[in-house]
Amino acid sequence: MAAKLGAILTRCALGPVQYAGGCIMASKVPDGLRELGPEGLWGGLERGIAEVAEKVGVAPRDVQGLLPMADLQGAMTALGGAQRAAVAAWQLYAGHLGGLMAGIADLTVDGRAPDAGLCLDRLATKLSRDKPLAVPLLALADAVRTWEDMVEAACAALDDAGTGGRLAAAYRRRVLVRNARLGALVIVPIVAIGLAVRVAVVRSRVGAALEATDPCAAIAIASGDVDHASGAQQATIVDRVRRCEEGRVVEARRVEADRDRAAVIEKQRLAKADREARCAALADHLAAGTLAEADAAVAGEGAPLLSRVARRALVDGDLGPADPALPCLDTKAADGLRAAFAGAVVAAPWMKAGELSPVARAAVIARAGAIPRWTKGVSAVKATAAAKKAIVSGDPGDLARAKAACEFVAALGWPAGPQCDRASTLGKRRD
């Protein structure tokens, strides 16, 4: 490998120099001088370094680290100055040479690669009488030989490194890598087939899981299977998982709402049961004619009225004309409370009161058999007086009140009298 590396660098770095020598031998001195410019020569060196680096399998900077780059740059700087001076002198003084150029092709005839330095030396010798032209050519010849020497030194350093140094180790690594790649050409298809089979099995398993109607079944798919699922399957999995999570959120909210409703219903049930119990106790206490301190809280604004009911001490305002605001009428204790109020009404001087409320009137009528006759007689007298007033006034309001009073007396089982009949007849005519 060492000889090959040196040959690569020599071919690339000295190729432009040899081409320039060929141009000079072919009497194309301007072309030869131009080819010796630093851009072309340095470019050849860089191409050589790049080819060596590629062959060995390292970076170009690794090859540069093995070469005397500072010396090469110094030689190239000197050569660049000599080349520019030689080009300028040739352009200035070569116009009068004439037939002298015809003999330049005979400088080297042995078939070897043209030696640009030697060609420049012999050209300068032929032009020795033209000092302004010969001297720059000699200087350029020396610079070219120095460059060639530096390139050969670089090739020697490269050969040493290639024999047992870093380049040799890099080359061996490259050979191993190449052999590994060749082995991979055999192994990779086998592995690929195995992987393809495994992927097919996994995708079949994922497909079966995705056939489930429950979107939450996608969550149970193993993460490894998800990684090997197809793009469409992965998109379906993502959609199923999203739908599952949304469904779970909705279900959790529904459960929470049901729990809240159940709590509210239970609270209402307990409150109702407590109120039923407290109202039942109130009715019992009222029937016994005594009220407890706790009953006042249950009765609320009706507590004074119930106190009078318990004591059988109703006043005229309790008897009418509007029905009393008894508490707990929406509970099972309502009948007991109405019965207690009715008993208090009968025990009160209701016959002396003004217009009775519907509830008070119904309470008296319900107990008509137990009411003393004189009490009924008082009511009959009041009904007769109301009827007379209505007959005289003819007022619809008076007629309506007379009718109600007369009907009440009749409901008690007491004859209403002729005045009630006349008032009733008059009322019907007015209607």
Protein backbone atom coordinates (compact mmCIF):
# COMPACT_ATOMS: atom_id res chain seq x y z
CA MET A 1 0.00 0.00 0.00
CA ALA A 2 2.87 2.41 0.74
CA ALA A 3 4.09 2.54 -2.86
CA LYS A 4 0.58 3.21 -4.07
CA LEU A 5 0.09 6.14 -1.68
CA GLY A 6 3.36 7.77 -2.72
CA ALA A 7 2.52 7.24 -6.38
CA ILE A 8 -0.87 8.88 -5.91
CA LEU A 9 0.65 11.98 -4.34
CA THR A 10 3.45 12.13 -6.95
CA ARG A 11 1.02 11.84 -9.85
CA CYS A 12 -1.25 14.54 -8.57
CA ALA A 13 1.32 16.99 -7.17
CA LEU A 14 3.98 16.71 -9.95
CA GLY A 15 1.62 16.15 -12.84
CA PRO A 16 1.25 19.90 -13.49
CA VAL A 17 5.04 20.34 -13.36
CA GLN A 18 5.56 17.60 -15.94
CA TYR A 19 2.81 19.05 -18.12
CA ALA A 20 4.54 22.45 -17.95
CA GLY A 21 7.84 20.80 -19.06
CA GLY A 22 6.02 19.22 -22.00
CA CYS A 23 4.67 22.61 -23.03
CA ILE A 24 8.17 24.12 -22.94
CA MET A 25 9.55 21.25 -25.03
CA ALA A 26 6.76 21.84 -27.53
CA SER A 27 7.87 25.48 -27.89
CA LYS A 28 4.82 26.59 -25.90
CA VAL A 29 6.86 28.44 -23.32
CA PRO A 30 4.10 30.89 -22.29
CA ASP A 31 1.77 27.95 -21.65
CA GLY A 32 4.46 26.14 -19.71
CA LEU A 33 5.25 29.16 -17.58
CA ARG A 34 1.53 29.67 -16.87
CA GLU A 35 1.13 26.02 -15.81
CA LEU A 36 3.83 26.55 -13.18
CA GLY A 37 1.61 29.03 -11.35
CA PRO A 38 1.06 28.37 -7.58
CA GLU A 39 -2.71 27.87 -7.99
CA GLY A 40 -2.34 24.88 -10.30
CA LEU A 41 0.58 23.30 -8.46
CA TRP A 42 -1.00 23.67 -5.01
CA GLY A 43 -4.29 22.41 -6.40
CA GLY A 44 -2.48 19.28 -7.63
CA LEU A 45 -1.03 18.72 -4.15
CA GLU A 46 -4.47 19.07 -2.57
CA ARG A 47 -5.97 16.63 -5.07
CA GLY A 48 -3.24 14.14 -4.18
CA ILE A 49 -3.91 14.54 -0.46
CA ALA A 50 -7.66 14.08 -1.05
CA GLU A 51 -7.15 10.90 -3.09
CA VAL A 52 -4.81 9.42 -0.47
CA ALA A 53 -7.29 10.25 2.29
CA GLU A 54 -10.15 8.64 0.36
CA LYS A 55 -8.15 5.50 -0.38
CA VAL A 56 -7.07 5.05 3.23
CA GLY A 57 -10.41 6.09 4.68
CA VAL A 58 -9.35 9.13 6.72
CA ALA A 59 -9.98 12.86 6.55
CA PRO A 60 -7.67 15.01 4.36
CA ARG A 61 -6.52 16.86 7.47
CA ASP A 62 -5.22 13.55 8.86
CA VAL A 63 -2.99 13.15 5.77
CA GLN A 64 -1.87 16.77 6.00
CA GLY A 65 -0.79 16.12 9.58
CA LEU A 66 1.81 13.64 8.25
CA LEU A 67 3.27 16.03 5.64
CA PRO A 68 5.69 19.01 6.00
CA MET A 69 2.91 21.43 5.09
CA ALA A 70 4.78 24.51 6.38
CA ASP A 71 7.81 23.73 4.19
CA LEU A 72 5.58 23.02 1.23
CA GLN A 73 3.81 26.34 1.69
CA GLY A 74 7.15 28.15 1.93
CA ALA A 75 8.40 26.50 -1.27
CA MET A 76 5.14 27.35 -3.04
CA THR A 77 5.41 30.99 -1.98
CA ALA A 78 8.93 31.22 -3.43
CA LEU A 79 7.89 29.43 -6.61
CA GLY A 80 4.93 31.78 -7.03
CA GLY A 81 7.18 34.83 -6.91
CA ALA A 82 9.70 33.30 -9.38
CA GLN A 83 6.87 32.23 -11.73
CA ARG A 84 5.35 35.71 -11.85
CA ALA A 85 8.79 37.25 -12.54
CA ALA A 86 9.50 34.76 -15.31
CA VAL A 87 6.13 35.33 -16.96
CA ALA A 88 6.62 39.09 -16.86
CA ALA A 89 10.15 38.83 -18.35
CA TRP A 90 9.00 36.49 -21.10
CA GLN A 91 6.17 38.81 -22.06
CA LEU A 92 8.60 41.73 -22.14
CA TYR A 93 11.65 40.29 -23.88
CA ALA A 94 10.62 37.16 -25.82
CA GLY A 95 9.29 39.00 -28.86
CA HIS A 96 12.68 39.14 -30.65
CA LEU A 97 13.65 35.46 -30.23
CA GLY A 98 12.35 34.39 -33.65
CA GLY A 99 13.83 31.05 -34.89
CA LEU A 100 15.59 30.41 -31.59
CA MET A 101 12.41 28.74 -30.30
CA ALA A 102 12.62 25.99 -32.93
CA GLY A 103 15.45 24.20 -31.09
CA ILE A 104 13.83 24.05 -27.69
CA ALA A 105 12.06 20.78 -28.54
CA ASP A 106 15.47 19.03 -28.68
CA LEU A 107 16.12 19.66 -24.96
CA THR A 108 14.98 16.15 -23.91
CA VAL A 109 14.71 13.30 -26.38
CA ASP A 110 15.14 10.17 -24.29
CA GLY A 111 11.38 9.55 -23.72
CA ARG A 112 11.36 10.31 -19.99
CA ALA A 113 8.77 12.53 -18.40
CA PRO A 114 9.66 16.13 -19.15
CA ASP A 115 11.73 17.74 -16.38
CA ALA A 116 10.47 21.31 -16.15
CA GLY A 117 13.47 22.45 -14.11
CA LEU A 118 15.92 21.02 -16.61
CA CYS A 119 13.94 22.47 -19.50
CA LEU A 120 14.05 25.89 -17.88
CA ASP A 121 17.79 25.57 -17.22
CA ARG A 122 18.59 24.72 -20.85
CA LEU A 123 16.21 27.41 -22.10
CA ALA A 124 17.98 29.94 -19.90
CA THR A 125 21.37 28.71 -21.23
CA LYS A 126 20.23 29.31 -24.80
CA LEU A 127 19.11 32.77 -23.74
CA SER A 128 22.19 33.51 -21.62
CA ARG A 129 22.96 36.63 -23.62
CA ASP A 130 19.54 38.07 -22.69
CA LYS A 131 20.19 38.46 -18.98
CA PRO A 132 16.81 40.08 -18.17
CA LEU A 133 15.14 36.96 -19.53
CA ALA A 134 17.63 34.25 -18.62
CA VAL A 135 17.98 35.19 -14.95
CA PRO A 136 14.23 34.91 -14.11
CA LEU A 137 14.09 31.58 -15.97
CA LEU A 138 17.01 30.22 -13.92
CA ALA A 139 15.38 31.43 -10.71
CA LEU A 140 12.13 29.71 -11.70
CA ALA A 141 14.06 26.51 -12.52
CA ASP A 142 15.57 26.52 -9.00
CA ALA A 143 12.13 27.14 -7.44
CA VAL A 144 10.60 24.28 -9.45
CA ARG A 145 13.39 21.87 -8.36
CA THR A 146 12.88 22.97 -4.74
CA TRP A 147 9.13 22.27 -5.08
CA GLU A 148 9.86 18.86 -6.60
CA ASP A 149 12.24 18.06 -3.75
CA MET A 150 9.63 19.08 -1.18
CA VAL A 151 6.98 16.94 -2.88
CA GLU A 152 9.34 13.96 -2.89
CA ALA A 153 10.02 14.51 0.82
CA ALA A 154 6.27 14.61 1.41
CA CYS A 155 5.88 11.35 -0.52
CA ALA A 156 8.61 9.77 1.62
CA ALA A 157 6.83 10.86 4.80
CA LEU A 158 3.61 9.49 3.38
CA ASP A 159 5.30 6.19 2.53
CA ASP A 160 6.68 5.88 6.06
CA ALA A 161 3.23 6.51 7.53
CA GLY A 162 1.66 4.07 5.13
CA THR A 163 4.13 1.30 5.97
CA GLY A 164 3.52 1.06 9.70
CA GLY A 165 2.01 4.30 10.89
CA ARG A 166 -1.44 5.78 11.24
CA LEU A 167 -2.33 5.48 7.56
CA ALA A 168 -1.52 1.78 7.61
CA ALA A 169 -3.79 1.31 10.62
CA ALA A 170 -6.51 3.36 8.96
CA TYR A 171 -6.18 1.32 5.80
CA ARG A 172 -6.49 -1.91 7.78
CA ARG A 173 -9.60 -0.53 9.44
CA ARG A 174 -11.02 0.32 6.04
CA VAL A 175 -10.36 -3.20 4.81
CA LEU A 176 -12.12 -4.59 7.87
CA VAL A 177 -15.05 -2.24 7.31
CA ARG A 178 -15.25 -3.28 3.67
CA ASN A 179 -15.22 -6.95 4.62
CA ALA A 180 -17.88 -6.25 7.24
CA ARG A 181 -20.01 -4.57 4.61
CA LEU A 182 -19.61 -7.54 2.32
CA GLY A 183 -20.73 -9.77 5.18
CA ALA A 184 -23.63 -7.45 5.79
CA LEU A 185 -24.74 -7.96 2.20
CA VAL A 186 -25.41 -11.56 3.16
CA ILE A 187 -26.64 -11.04 6.71
CA VAL A 188 -28.83 -8.01 6.14
CA PRO A 189 -31.25 -9.75 3.72
CA ILE A 190 -31.69 -12.59 6.21
CA VAL A 191 -32.30 -10.16 9.04
CA ALA A 192 -34.60 -8.12 6.81
CA ILE A 193 -36.67 -11.18 5.98
CA GLY A 194 -36.92 -12.09 9.65
CA LEU A 195 -37.88 -8.54 10.51
CA ALA A 196 -40.47 -8.46 7.74
CA VAL A 197 -42.04 -11.65 9.06
CA ARG A 198 -42.06 -10.26 12.59
CA VAL A 199 -43.58 -6.98 11.41
CA ALA A 200 -46.27 -8.88 9.50
CA VAL A 201 -47.15 -10.90 12.61
CA VAL A 202 -47.23 -7.76 14.76
CA ARG A 203 -49.42 -5.88 12.30
CA SER A 204 -51.79 -8.82 12.11
CA ARG A 205 -52.02 -8.82 15.91
CA VAL A 206 -52.60 -5.06 15.96
CA GLY A 207 -55.29 -5.39 13.29
CA ALA A 208 -57.13 -8.00 15.36
CA ALA A 209 -57.01 -5.69 18.41
CA LEU A 210 -58.36 -2.78 16.37
CA GLU A 211 -61.38 -4.85 15.26
CA ALA A 212 -62.79 -4.62 18.80
CA THR A 213 -65.80 -2.33 19.13
CA ASP A 214 -64.49 -0.92 22.40
CA PRO A 215 -62.00 1.86 21.53
CA CYS A 216 -60.26 1.29 24.88
CA ALA A 217 -58.96 -2.03 23.52
CA ALA A 218 -56.32 0.04 21.69
CA ILE A 219 -54.75 0.99 25.02
CA ALA A 220 -53.95 -2.66 25.73
CA ILE A 221 -51.77 -2.92 22.59
CA ALA A 222 -48.12 -3.33 23.60
CA SER A 223 -45.85 -0.37 22.93
CA GLY A 224 -43.52 -2.60 20.89
CA ASP A 225 -46.41 -3.60 18.65
CA VAL A 226 -47.40 0.05 18.23
CA ASP A 227 -43.85 0.86 17.07
CA HIS A 228 -44.04 -1.77 14.30
CA ALA A 229 -47.63 -1.05 13.27
CA SER A 230 -48.33 0.50 9.89
CA GLY A 231 -48.89 4.22 9.55
CA ALA A 232 -52.63 3.71 9.11
CA GLN A 233 -52.76 1.41 12.15
CA GLN A 234 -50.84 3.91 14.27
CA ALA A 235 -53.24 6.67 13.23
CA THR A 236 -56.18 4.42 14.14
CA ILE A 237 -54.58 3.60 17.50
CA VAL A 238 -54.14 7.29 18.27
CA ASP A 239 -57.77 7.97 17.32
CA ARG A 240 -59.06 5.00 19.38
CA VAL A 241 -57.01 6.04 22.42
CA ARG A 242 -58.31 9.59 22.11
CA ARG A 243 -61.90 8.37 21.87
CA CYS A 244 -61.35 6.05 24.83
CA GLU A 245 -59.96 8.85 26.97
CA GLU A 246 -62.80 11.16 25.96
CA GLY A 247 -65.30 8.41 26.76
CA ARG A 248 -63.73 7.84 30.14
CA VAL A 249 -63.91 11.54 30.90
CA VAL A 250 -67.59 11.61 29.92
CA GLU A 251 -68.29 8.49 31.99
CA ALA A 252 -66.45 9.93 34.98
CA ARG A 253 -68.49 13.11 34.71
CA ARG A 254 -71.71 11.08 34.41
CA VAL A 255 -70.81 9.03 37.48
CA GLU A 256 -69.96 12.19 39.38
CA ALA A 257 -73.23 13.84 38.28
CA ASP A 258 -75.19 10.73 39.33
CA ARG A 259 -73.40 10.74 42.66
CA ASP A 260 -74.19 14.43 43.13
CA ARG A 261 -77.84 13.87 42.20
CA ALA A 262 -78.04 10.91 44.55
CA ALA A 263 -76.52 13.01 47.31
CA VAL A 264 -79.03 15.80 46.67
CA ILE A 265 -81.92 13.31 46.59
CA GLU A 266 -80.72 11.69 49.78
CA LYS A 267 -80.35 15.08 51.42
CA GLN A 268 -83.86 15.99 50.32
CA ARG A 269 -85.17 12.65 51.56
CA LEU A 270 -83.56 13.11 54.95
CA ALA A 271 -84.84 16.67 55.15
CA LYS A 272 -88.34 15.55 54.19
CA ALA A 273 -88.25 12.69 56.68
CA ASP A 274 -87.08 15.07 59.39
CA ARG A 275 -89.84 17.54 58.50
CA GLU A 276 -92.44 14.76 58.43
CA ALA A 277 -91.32 13.66 61.89
CA ARG A 278 -91.33 17.19 63.27
CA CYS A 279 -94.73 17.96 61.71
CA ALA A 280 -96.16 14.70 63.09
CA ALA A 281 -94.89 15.65 66.55
CA LEU A 282 -96.46 19.09 66.14
CA ALA A 283 -99.83 17.51 65.23
CA ASP A 284 -99.65 15.18 68.23
CA HIS A 285 -98.81 18.03 70.55
CA LEU A 286 -101.58 20.16 69.10
CA ALA A 287 -104.12 17.38 69.58
CA ALA A 288 -103.01 17.08 73.21
CA GLY A 289 -103.43 20.82 73.70
CA THR A 290 -99.76 21.53 74.42
CA LEU A 291 -96.90 22.82 72.26
CA ALA A 292 -93.18 22.18 72.81
CA GLU A 293 -90.43 24.74 72.21
CA ALA A 294 -89.33 22.85 69.12
CA ASP A 295 -92.83 23.18 67.64
CA ALA A 296 -92.41 26.92 67.24
CA ALA A 297 -89.54 26.40 64.79
CA VAL A 298 -91.70 24.02 62.74
CA ALA A 299 -94.77 26.32 62.80
CA GLY A 300 -92.78 29.39 61.81
CA GLU A 301 -95.09 32.39 61.35
CA GLY A 302 -98.07 30.17 62.17
CA ALA A 303 -96.83 29.55 65.72
CA PRO A 304 -99.15 32.17 67.35
CA LEU A 305 -102.17 30.69 65.55
CA LEU A 306 -101.28 27.15 66.65
CA SER A 307 -100.80 28.39 70.19
CA ARG A 308 -104.39 29.68 70.14
CA VAL A 309 -105.56 26.40 68.57
CA ALA A 310 -103.93 24.41 71.38
CA ARG A 311 -105.55 26.65 73.98
CA ARG A 312 -108.95 26.67 72.19
CA ALA A 313 -108.76 30.43 72.19
CA LEU A 314 -109.29 31.47 68.56
CA VAL A 315 -110.10 35.09 67.81
CA ASP A 316 -112.35 36.50 65.08
CA GLY A 317 -109.41 36.98 62.69
CA ASP A 318 -108.61 33.28 62.91
CA LEU A 319 -112.13 32.35 61.71
CA GLY A 320 -112.31 34.30 58.48
CA PRO A 321 -112.91 35.49 55.99
CA ALA A 322 -109.68 33.90 54.57
CA ASP A 323 -108.50 30.41 55.41
CA PRO A 324 -105.79 30.26 58.10
CA ALA A 325 -102.14 29.70 57.08
CA LEU A 326 -101.59 26.37 58.77
CA PRO A 327 -98.07 24.89 58.59
CA CYS A 328 -97.14 21.34 57.44
CA LEU A 329 -100.13 21.03 55.07
CA ASP A 330 -97.78 19.34 52.54
CA THR A 331 -97.00 16.51 54.99
CA LYS A 332 -98.86 13.49 56.33
CA ALA A 333 -99.64 15.49 59.47
CA ALA A 334 -101.93 17.85 57.48
CA ASP A 335 -105.17 16.01 58.43
CA GLY A 336 -104.24 16.08 62.13
CA LEU A 337 -103.54 19.82 61.97
CA ARG A 338 -106.82 20.52 60.15
CA ALA A 339 -108.71 18.40 62.70
CA ALA A 340 -107.13 20.31 65.59
CA PHE A 341 -108.02 23.64 63.97
CA ALA A 342 -111.60 22.45 63.31
CA GLY A 343 -111.97 21.45 66.94
CA ALA A 344 -110.77 24.88 68.02
CA VAL A 345 -113.21 26.54 65.61
CA VAL A 346 -116.18 24.66 67.07
CA ALA A 347 -115.02 25.56 70.57
CA ALA A 348 -114.76 29.24 69.65
CA PRO A 349 -117.69 31.74 69.58
CA TRP A 350 -117.88 31.35 65.81
CA MET A 351 -121.51 32.34 65.63
CA LYS A 352 -120.60 35.86 66.81
CA ALA A 353 -117.85 36.27 64.25
CA GLY A 354 -118.27 37.92 60.93
CA GLU A 355 -117.94 35.98 57.68
CA LEU A 356 -116.38 32.53 58.28
CA SER A 357 -113.59 31.22 56.09
CA PRO A 358 -114.30 28.14 53.95
CA VAL A 359 -112.24 25.97 56.31
CA ALA A 360 -113.96 27.31 59.42
CA ARG A 361 -117.40 26.93 57.84
CA ALA A 362 -116.60 23.35 56.78
CA ALA A 363 -115.41 22.58 60.33
CA VAL A 364 -118.68 23.83 61.85
CA ILE A 365 -120.85 22.01 59.29
CA ALA A 366 -118.91 18.77 59.87
CA ARG A 367 -119.84 18.97 63.58
CA ALA A 368 -123.37 20.24 63.14
CA GLY A 369 -124.84 17.37 65.14
CA ALA A 370 -122.88 18.40 68.23
CA ILE A 371 -123.67 22.12 68.02
CA PRO A 372 -126.28 23.45 70.49
CA ARG A 373 -129.61 24.58 69.06
CA TRP A 374 -129.31 28.07 70.42
CA THR A 375 -126.07 28.47 68.53
CA LYS A 376 -127.78 27.41 65.33
CA GLY A 377 -130.62 29.81 66.13
CA VAL A 378 -128.17 32.71 66.41
CA SER A 379 -126.82 31.82 63.00
CA ALA A 380 -130.37 31.67 61.58
CA VAL A 381 -131.13 35.16 62.97
CA LYS A 382 -127.94 36.50 61.33
CA ALA A 383 -128.87 34.86 58.02
CA THR A 384 -132.39 36.38 58.15
CA ALA A 385 -130.96 39.85 58.82
CA ALA A 386 -128.53 39.49 55.93
CA ALA A 387 -131.37 38.38 53.63
CA LYS A 388 -133.53 41.37 54.59
CA LYS A 389 -130.69 43.75 53.91
CA ALA A 390 -130.05 42.18 50.53
CA ILE A 391 -133.75 42.36 49.60
CA VAL A 392 -133.89 46.03 50.42
CA SER A 393 -130.59 47.05 48.83
CA GLY A 394 -130.61 44.66 45.89
CA ASP A 395 -126.80 44.92 45.94
CA PRO A 396 -125.12 41.90 44.34
CA GLY A 397 -122.58 41.72 47.15
CA ASP A 398 -125.29 41.76 49.80
CA LEU A 399 -127.24 39.10 47.89
CA ALA A 400 -124.13 36.87 47.67
CA ARG A 401 -123.45 37.20 51.40
CA ALA A 402 -127.09 36.51 52.22
CA LYS A 403 -127.05 33.41 50.04
CA ALA A 404 -123.90 32.10 51.77
CA ALA A 405 -125.39 32.77 55.26
CA CYS A 406 -128.65 31.07 54.39
CA GLU A 407 -126.93 28.03 52.89
CA PHE A 408 -124.74 27.78 56.01
CA VAL A 409 -127.81 27.72 58.27
CA ALA A 410 -129.41 25.10 56.06
CA ALA A 411 -126.26 22.98 56.24
CA LEU A 412 -126.50 23.11 60.05
CA GLY A 413 -129.99 21.59 59.77
CA TRP A 414 -131.88 24.76 60.70
CA PRO A 415 -134.73 26.22 58.65
CA ALA A 416 -133.51 29.28 56.76
CA GLY A 417 -136.90 31.08 56.75
CA PRO A 418 -138.89 32.94 54.07
CA GLN A 419 -136.50 35.88 53.93
CA CYS A 420 -133.72 33.60 52.74
CA ASP A 421 -136.04 32.20 50.04
CA ARG A 422 -136.94 35.69 48.83
CA ALA A 423 -133.30 36.80 48.77
CA SER A 424 -132.37 33.64 46.85
CA THR A 425 -135.13 34.28 44.28
CA LEU A 426 -134.06 37.90 43.89
CA GLY A 427 -130.44 36.81 43.40
CA LYS A 428 -131.41 34.38 40.68
CA ARG A 429 -133.31 37.10 38.86
CA ARG A 430 -130.35 39.42 38.99
CA ASP A 431 -128.08 36.68 37.66
